[in-house]
Amino acid sequence: MEQYQAIKVFESLASGLRLDVYRLLMRAGPEGLVAGDIASALNVPPTVETLTPTFSNTLPFIRPCTP
């Protein structure tokens, strides 16, 4: 893995929720999970009208972790 790719992967997993989502998706395997199932499994509301990071902001960050 090139340095730039490694930086992007580590940056993508730099929060507890992002790491939990990644682990859950790895356990699910190639068939994956839909966003609602991920949110339910992690007991996270899909969207919240606050300034704190939410599940809906988390999923785009996981993309750099895919091969």
Protein backbone atom coordinates (compact mmCIF):
# COMPACT_ATOMS: atom_id res chain seq x y z
CA MET A 1 0.00 0.00 0.00
CA GLU A 2 1.29 3.39 -0.96
CA GLN A 3 1.77 6.03 1.75
CA TYR A 4 -1.06 8.22 0.43
CA GLN A 5 -3.48 5.28 0.46
CA ALA A 6 -2.45 4.30 3.99
CA ILE A 7 -2.97 7.85 5.23
CA LYS A 8 -6.47 7.92 3.72
CA VAL A 9 -7.39 4.57 5.29
CA PHE A 10 -6.18 5.55 8.77
CA GLU A 11 -7.87 8.94 8.45
CA SER A 12 -11.12 7.20 7.51
CA LEU A 13 -11.06 5.07 10.65
CA ALA A 14 -10.07 7.87 13.03
CA SER A 15 -13.24 7.81 15.12
CA GLY A 16 -14.88 5.18 17.26
CA LEU A 17 -18.08 5.12 15.20
CA ARG A 18 -16.21 4.81 11.90
CA LEU A 19 -14.14 1.95 13.25
CA ASP A 20 -17.28 0.21 14.56
CA VAL A 21 -18.95 0.56 11.14
CA TYR A 22 -15.87 -0.84 9.40
CA ARG A 23 -15.68 -3.82 11.76
CA LEU A 24 -19.38 -4.55 11.30
CA LEU A 25 -19.03 -4.44 7.52
CA MET A 26 -16.03 -6.76 7.62
CA ARG A 27 -18.04 -9.28 9.66
CA ALA A 28 -20.96 -9.00 7.19
CA GLY A 29 -18.74 -10.03 4.31
CA PRO A 30 -19.19 -9.33 0.61
CA GLU A 31 -22.99 -9.11 0.81
CA GLY A 32 -22.62 -6.09 3.12
CA LEU A 33 -25.38 -4.34 5.05
CA VAL A 34 -27.76 -1.52 4.27
CA ALA A 35 -27.34 1.74 6.18
CA GLY A 36 -30.45 1.22 8.30
CA ASP A 37 -29.23 -2.20 9.47
CA ILE A 38 -25.83 -0.76 10.33
CA ALA A 39 -27.41 2.06 12.32
CA SER A 40 -29.67 -0.40 14.17
CA ALA A 41 -26.82 -2.80 14.94
CA LEU A 42 -24.74 0.03 16.39
CA ASN A 43 -27.72 1.68 18.10
CA VAL A 44 -27.07 4.95 16.28
CA PRO A 45 -29.85 7.15 14.89
CA PRO A 46 -29.48 7.49 11.10
CA THR A 47 -29.69 11.29 11.29
CA VAL A 48 -29.80 13.80 14.08
CA GLU A 49 -30.25 17.55 13.72
CA THR A 50 -27.25 18.52 15.86
CA LEU A 51 -23.72 19.72 15.33
CA THR A 52 -22.24 16.41 16.51
CA PRO A 53 -21.08 13.82 13.97
CA THR A 54 -23.86 11.43 13.05
CA PHE A 55 -24.16 8.13 11.28
CA SER A 56 -25.10 9.79 8.00
CA ASN A 57 -21.82 11.74 8.04
CA THR A 58 -19.86 8.58 8.86
CA LEU A 59 -20.56 6.34 5.89
CA PRO A 60 -18.78 8.45 3.24
CA PHE A 61 -15.57 8.26 5.28
CA ILE A 62 -15.53 4.45 5.14
CA ARG A 63 -15.22 4.38 1.35
CA PRO A 64 -11.40 4.87 1.26
CA CYS A 65 -11.07 1.64 3.26
CA THR A 66 -12.42 -0.49 0.41
CA PRO A 67 -9.92 -2.33 -1.76
